[in-house]
Amino acid sequence: MAIATQLAALVVIGYLPGAAIFRLPWLDREKRAGLDAEERVFWAVVLSLVISLSVVLGLAGFHRYTFGRLMLADIAAVALSAVIARGRLRLGTPARRVTWTAIVPVVLVALAVSRFFPPSEYIIGGKDPGVYMNEGIQVAQRGALVFRDPVVATV
C-alpha cells in the first residue's frame, strides 16, 4: 500500500467513525462541542477504536474478517451516522479551537514513533506481547478467531 492509502485507511479506521458518532445531535451535543479540541479528538479516536475492534472481533467470530470488510464497516458506520443525523454532524459555533496544549500529545506520538517504529517481530509465545502479536497476525491471515494450526497440532 502506498503511504497516502495507508494514511487514508488510518483516518477511516482510527478517527472517522468516532468523530461521526461523537457529533450526533442528541445527548447534549452542545456540551460535547464545548470540550477542548484535543479532548474531542481523543474521544473520537477512542470511539473509533472501540467500533473498529468490535467489528474485527465480530467478523473474525464468523470467520469473515478481511481488512477491506473492516474498512467497509467503518465507512458504513460513518454513513449511517450521517443518515441518522440527517447530515447535521457539525458541532456548531461553540466548538473550541486547538490550543498550544495540543503540542504535548503530538510530541509524545512523535517520540513513540521514533523510538518504537518499525515494531519488532516478537515471535516468542507465552508472554503477553508475543501472544497478542501472534493472535493478531493469525486473525489477519486466516480471518477467524479459531483456526487449526498443523504445526501446533503436532506438538
Foldseek 3Di string as FASTA:
>chain_A
DDPVVVVVLCCLQQAQLLLLVLQQPDDPLLVSLLDAPVVSRVRRRVVSNVQLVVVLQVQQAVQHDESVVSSVSSVVSNVVSCVVSVNRRDSDDNHHDHDPVVVVVVVVVVVCCVVQPPHDQQCDPPDVVNVVSVQVVCCHVRVHNDDDDPVVVVD
